[in-house]
C-alpha atoms as a PDB file:
ATOM      1  CA  UNK A   1      -0.012  -0.015   0.000  1.00  0.00           C
ATOM      2  CA  UNK A   2       1.316   3.442  -0.849  1.00  0.00           C
ATOM      3  CA  UNK A   3      -0.439   5.161   2.036  1.00  0.00           C
ATOM      4  CA  UNK A   4       1.181   2.944   4.694  1.00  0.00           C
ATOM      5  CA  UNK A   5       3.616   4.827   6.855  1.00  0.00           C
ATOM      6  CA  UNK A   6       7.211   3.622   7.040  1.00  0.00           C
ATOM      7  CA  UNK A   7       7.524   1.824  10.455  1.00  0.00           C
ATOM      8  CA  UNK A   8      11.346   1.915  10.349  1.00  0.00           C
ATOM      9  CA  UNK A   9      11.904   5.426  11.562  1.00  0.00           C
ATOM     10  CA  UNK A  10      14.264   6.820  14.070  1.00  0.00           C
ATOM     11  CA  UNK A  11      12.620   7.874  17.246  1.00  0.00           C
ATOM     12  CA  UNK A  12      10.992   6.153  20.186  1.00  0.00           C
ATOM     13  CA  UNK A  13      10.713   2.439  20.316  1.00  0.00           C
ATOM     14  CA  UNK A  14       7.648   0.779  18.922  1.00  0.00           C
ATOM     15  CA  UNK A  15       5.325  -0.636  21.513  1.00  0.00           C
ATOM     16  CA  UNK A  16       2.197  -1.035  19.335  1.00  0.00           C
ATOM     17  CA  UNK A  17       2.032  -4.502  17.722  1.00  0.00           C
ATOM     18  CA  UNK A  18       0.235  -3.212  14.668  1.00  0.00           C
ATOM     19  CA  UNK A  19       3.143  -0.859  13.854  1.00  0.00           C
ATOM     20  CA  UNK A  20       5.844  -3.579  14.326  1.00  0.00           C
ATOM     21  CA  UNK A  21       6.821  -5.537  11.204  1.00  0.00           C
ATOM     22  CA  UNK A  22       9.178  -8.412  10.625  1.00  0.00           C
ATOM     23  CA  UNK A  23      11.510 -10.273  12.961  1.00  0.00           C
ATOM     24  CA  UNK A  24       9.249 -13.365  13.061  1.00  0.00           C
ATOM     25  CA  UNK A  25      12.302 -15.640  13.013  1.00  0.00           C
ATOM     26  CA  UNK A  26      13.758 -13.774  16.017  1.00  0.00           C
ATOM     27  CA  UNK A  27      10.551 -14.332  17.976  1.00  0.00           C
ATOM     28  CA  UNK A  28      10.458 -18.026  17.047  1.00  0.00           C
ATOM     29  CA  UNK A  29      14.165 -18.261  18.173  1.00  0.00           C
ATOM     30  CA  UNK A  30      13.224 -16.674  21.545  1.00  0.00           C
ATOM     31  CA  UNK A  31      10.168 -18.818  21.992  1.00  0.00           C
ATOM     32  CA  UNK A  32      12.101 -22.031  21.200  1.00  0.00           C
ATOM     33  CA  UNK A  33      14.947 -21.213  23.540  1.00  0.00           C
ATOM     34  CA  UNK A  34      12.798 -20.163  26.412  1.00  0.00           C
ATOM     35  CA  UNK A  35      10.545 -23.295  26.126  1.00  0.00           C
ATOM     36  CA  UNK A  36      13.783 -25.383  26.180  1.00  0.00           C
ATOM     37  CA  UNK A  37      14.849 -23.705  29.509  1.00  0.00           C
ATOM     38  CA  UNK A  38      17.647 -21.583  27.975  1.00  0.00           C
ATOM     39  CA  UNK A  39      19.083 -19.533  30.777  1.00  0.00           C
ATOM     40  CA  UNK A  40      20.376 -16.523  28.811  1.00  0.00           C
ATOM     41  CA  UNK A  41      19.391 -14.967  25.476  1.00  0.00           C
ATOM     42  CA  UNK A  42      21.514 -12.020  24.378  1.00  0.00           C
ATOM     43  CA  UNK A  43      20.003  -9.375  22.159  1.00  0.00           C
ATOM     44  CA  UNK A  44      22.641  -7.129  20.704  1.00  0.00           C
ATOM     45  CA  UNK A  45      23.075  -4.827  17.723  1.00  0.00           C
ATOM     46  CA  UNK A  46      23.989  -1.369  16.573  1.00  0.00           C
ATOM     47  CA  UNK A  47      22.344   1.681  18.048  1.00  0.00           C
ATOM     48  CA  UNK A  48      18.823   2.583  16.758  1.00  0.00           C
ATOM     49  CA  UNK A  49      18.387  -0.773  15.090  1.00  0.00           C
ATOM     50  CA  UNK A  50      15.221  -1.747  17.036  1.00  0.00           C
ATOM     51  CA  UNK A  51      16.398  -3.729  20.047  1.00  0.00           C
ATOM     52  CA  UNK A  52      14.105  -1.865  22.438  1.00  0.00           C
ATOM     53  CA  UNK A  53      11.211  -2.387  20.076  1.00  0.00           C
ATOM     54  CA  UNK A  54      11.898  -6.113  19.952  1.00  0.00           C
ATOM     55  CA  UNK A  55      12.034  -6.304  23.755  1.00  0.00           C
ATOM     56  CA  UNK A  56       8.692  -4.517  24.034  1.00  0.00           C
ATOM     57  CA  UNK A  57       7.128  -6.968  21.528  1.00  0.00           C
ATOM     58  CA  UNK A  58       8.336 -10.177  23.197  1.00  0.00           C
ATOM     59  CA  UNK A  59       5.373 -10.509  25.620  1.00  0.00           C
ATOM     60  CA  UNK A  60       3.013  -9.918  22.669  1.00  0.00           C
ATOM     61  CA  UNK A  61       4.682 -12.099  19.996  1.00  0.00           C
ATOM     62  CA  UNK A  62       6.111 -15.014  22.004  1.00  0.00           C
ATOM     63  CA  UNK A  63       3.553 -17.608  23.122  1.00  0.00           C
ATOM     64  CA  UNK A  64       4.700 -19.446  26.276  1.00  0.00           C
ATOM     65  CA  UNK A  65       1.334 -20.044  28.042  1.00  0.00           C
ATOM     66  CA  UNK A  66       2.007 -17.471  30.672  1.00  0.00           C
ATOM     67  CA  UNK A  67       4.981 -19.329  32.047  1.00  0.00           C
ATOM     68  CA  UNK A  68       7.048 -16.170  32.095  1.00  0.00           C
ATOM     69  CA  UNK A  69       6.586 -12.638  33.269  1.00  0.00           C
ATOM     70  CA  UNK A  70       8.439 -10.182  31.058  1.00  0.00           C
ATOM     71  CA  UNK A  71       9.656  -7.041  32.688  1.00  0.00           C
ATOM     72  CA  UNK A  72      11.358  -4.320  30.697  1.00  0.00           C
ATOM     73  CA  UNK A  73      13.887  -2.163  32.588  1.00  0.00           C
ATOM     74  CA  UNK A  74      15.721   0.702  31.009  1.00  0.00           C
ATOM     75  CA  UNK A  75      19.114   1.500  32.455  1.00  0.00           C
ATOM     76  CA  UNK A  76      20.337   3.591  29.489  1.00  0.00           C
ATOM     77  CA  UNK A  77      20.759   6.809  31.537  1.00  0.00           C
ATOM     78  CA  UNK A  78      21.972   4.922  34.628  1.00  0.00           C
ATOM     79  CA  UNK A  79      25.371   3.786  33.425  1.00  0.00           C
ATOM     80  CA  UNK A  80      27.072   5.293  36.529  1.00  0.00           C
ATOM     81  CA  UNK A  81      24.913   3.371  39.064  1.00  0.00           C
ATOM     82  CA  UNK A  82      26.770   1.072  41.368  1.00  0.00           C
ATOM     83  CA  UNK A  83      25.882  -2.591  41.174  1.00  0.00           C
ATOM     84  CA  UNK A  84      23.982  -2.662  44.488  1.00  0.00           C
ATOM     85  CA  UNK A  85      21.686   0.050  43.182  1.00  0.00           C
ATOM     86  CA  UNK A  86      20.980  -1.865  39.989  1.00  0.00           C
ATOM     87  CA  UNK A  87      20.243  -5.038  41.971  1.00  0.00           C
ATOM     88  CA  UNK A  88      17.910  -3.064  44.225  1.00  0.00           C
ATOM     89  CA  UNK A  89      16.091  -1.660  41.201  1.00  0.00           C
ATOM     90  CA  UNK A  90      15.726  -5.182  39.755  1.00  0.00           C
ATOM     91  CA  UNK A  91      14.301  -6.454  43.053  1.00  0.00           C
ATOM     92  CA  UNK A  92      11.574  -3.802  43.019  1.00  0.00           C
END
Protein backbone atom coordinates (compact mmCIF):
# COMPACT_ATOMS: atom_id res chain seq x y z
CA UNK A 1 0.00 0.00 0.00
CA UNK A 2 1.31 3.42 -0.86
CA UNK A 3 -0.42 5.12 2.06
CA UNK A 4 1.21 2.94 4.67
CA UNK A 5 3.64 4.86 6.85
CA UNK A 6 7.24 3.62 7.04
CA UNK A 7 7.51 1.83 10.42
CA UNK A 8 11.31 1.87 10.33
CA UNK A 9 11.88 5.39 11.57
CA UNK A 10 14.31 6.82 14.06
CA UNK A 11 12.62 7.88 17.26
CA UNK A 12 10.97 6.18 20.18
CA UNK A 13 10.72 2.42 20.33
CA UNK A 14 7.62 0.79 18.89
CA UNK A 15 5.32 -0.62 21.53
CA UNK A 16 2.21 -1.07 19.36
CA UNK A 17 2.03 -4.50 17.73
CA UNK A 18 0.23 -3.21 14.65
CA UNK A 19 3.17 -0.89 13.88
CA UNK A 20 5.81 -3.59 14.35
CA UNK A 21 6.82 -5.55 11.24
CA UNK A 22 9.17 -8.43 10.61
CA UNK A 23 11.51 -10.26 12.95
CA UNK A 24 9.25 -13.34 13.10
CA UNK A 25 12.30 -15.62 13.00
CA UNK A 26 13.73 -13.80 16.02
CA UNK A 27 10.54 -14.32 18.01
CA UNK A 28 10.49 -18.02 17.04
CA UNK A 29 14.12 -18.27 18.19
CA UNK A 30 13.25 -16.64 21.55
CA UNK A 31 10.17 -18.83 22.01
CA UNK A 32 12.07 -22.03 21.19
CA UNK A 33 14.95 -21.22 23.51
CA UNK A 34 12.76 -20.14 26.42
CA UNK A 35 10.59 -23.25 26.09
CA UNK A 36 13.79 -25.34 26.21
CA UNK A 37 14.88 -23.70 29.49
CA UNK A 38 17.61 -21.57 27.94
CA UNK A 39 19.09 -19.52 30.79
CA UNK A 40 20.35 -16.52 28.79
CA UNK A 41 19.37 -14.96 25.48
CA UNK A 42 21.50 -12.03 24.38
CA UNK A 43 20.00 -9.37 22.14
CA UNK A 44 22.66 -7.10 20.70
CA UNK A 45 23.10 -4.82 17.73
CA UNK A 46 23.99 -1.37 16.57
CA UNK A 47 22.36 1.69 18.06
CA UNK A 48 18.89 2.59 16.81
CA UNK A 49 18.37 -0.76 15.08
CA UNK A 50 15.23 -1.74 17.03
CA UNK A 51 16.44 -3.71 20.06
CA UNK A 52 14.10 -1.88 22.46
CA UNK A 53 11.18 -2.40 20.09
CA UNK A 54 11.91 -6.13 19.97
CA UNK A 55 12.06 -6.28 23.77
CA UNK A 56 8.70 -4.54 24.03
CA UNK A 57 7.15 -6.98 21.55
CA UNK A 58 8.35 -10.20 23.21
CA UNK A 59 5.36 -10.51 25.59
CA UNK A 60 3.00 -9.91 22.65
CA UNK A 61 4.69 -12.09 20.02
CA UNK A 62 6.11 -15.00 22.04
CA UNK A 63 3.58 -17.62 23.14
CA UNK A 64 4.68 -19.48 26.26
CA UNK A 65 1.33 -20.08 27.99
CA UNK A 66 2.01 -17.46 30.69
CA UNK A 67 5.01 -19.37 32.03
CA UNK A 68 7.08 -16.20 32.07
CA UNK A 69 6.61 -12.65 33.23
CA UNK A 70 8.46 -10.20 31.02
CA UNK A 71 9.69 -7.05 32.71
CA UNK A 72 11.35 -4.29 30.72
CA UNK A 73 13.87 -2.18 32.61
CA UNK A 74 15.72 0.70 30.98
CA UNK A 75 19.13 1.52 32.44
CA UNK A 76 20.32 3.61 29.50
CA UNK A 77 20.80 6.80 31.51
CA UNK A 78 21.96 4.93 34.62
CA UNK A 79 25.39 3.76 33.45
CA UNK A 80 27.05 5.27 36.53
CA UNK A 81 24.89 3.40 39.04
CA UNK A 82 26.77 1.08 41.41
CA UNK A 83 25.87 -2.61 41.15
CA UNK A 84 23.98 -2.65 44.47
CA UNK A 85 21.65 0.07 43.19
CA UNK A 86 20.98 -1.87 39.99
CA UNK A 87 20.23 -5.04 41.97
CA UNK A 88 17.89 -3.08 44.25
CA UNK A 89 16.06 -1.68 41.22
CA UNK A 90 15.74 -5.17 39.73
CA UNK A 91 14.31 -6.47 43.02
CA UNK A 92 11.59 -3.84 43.04
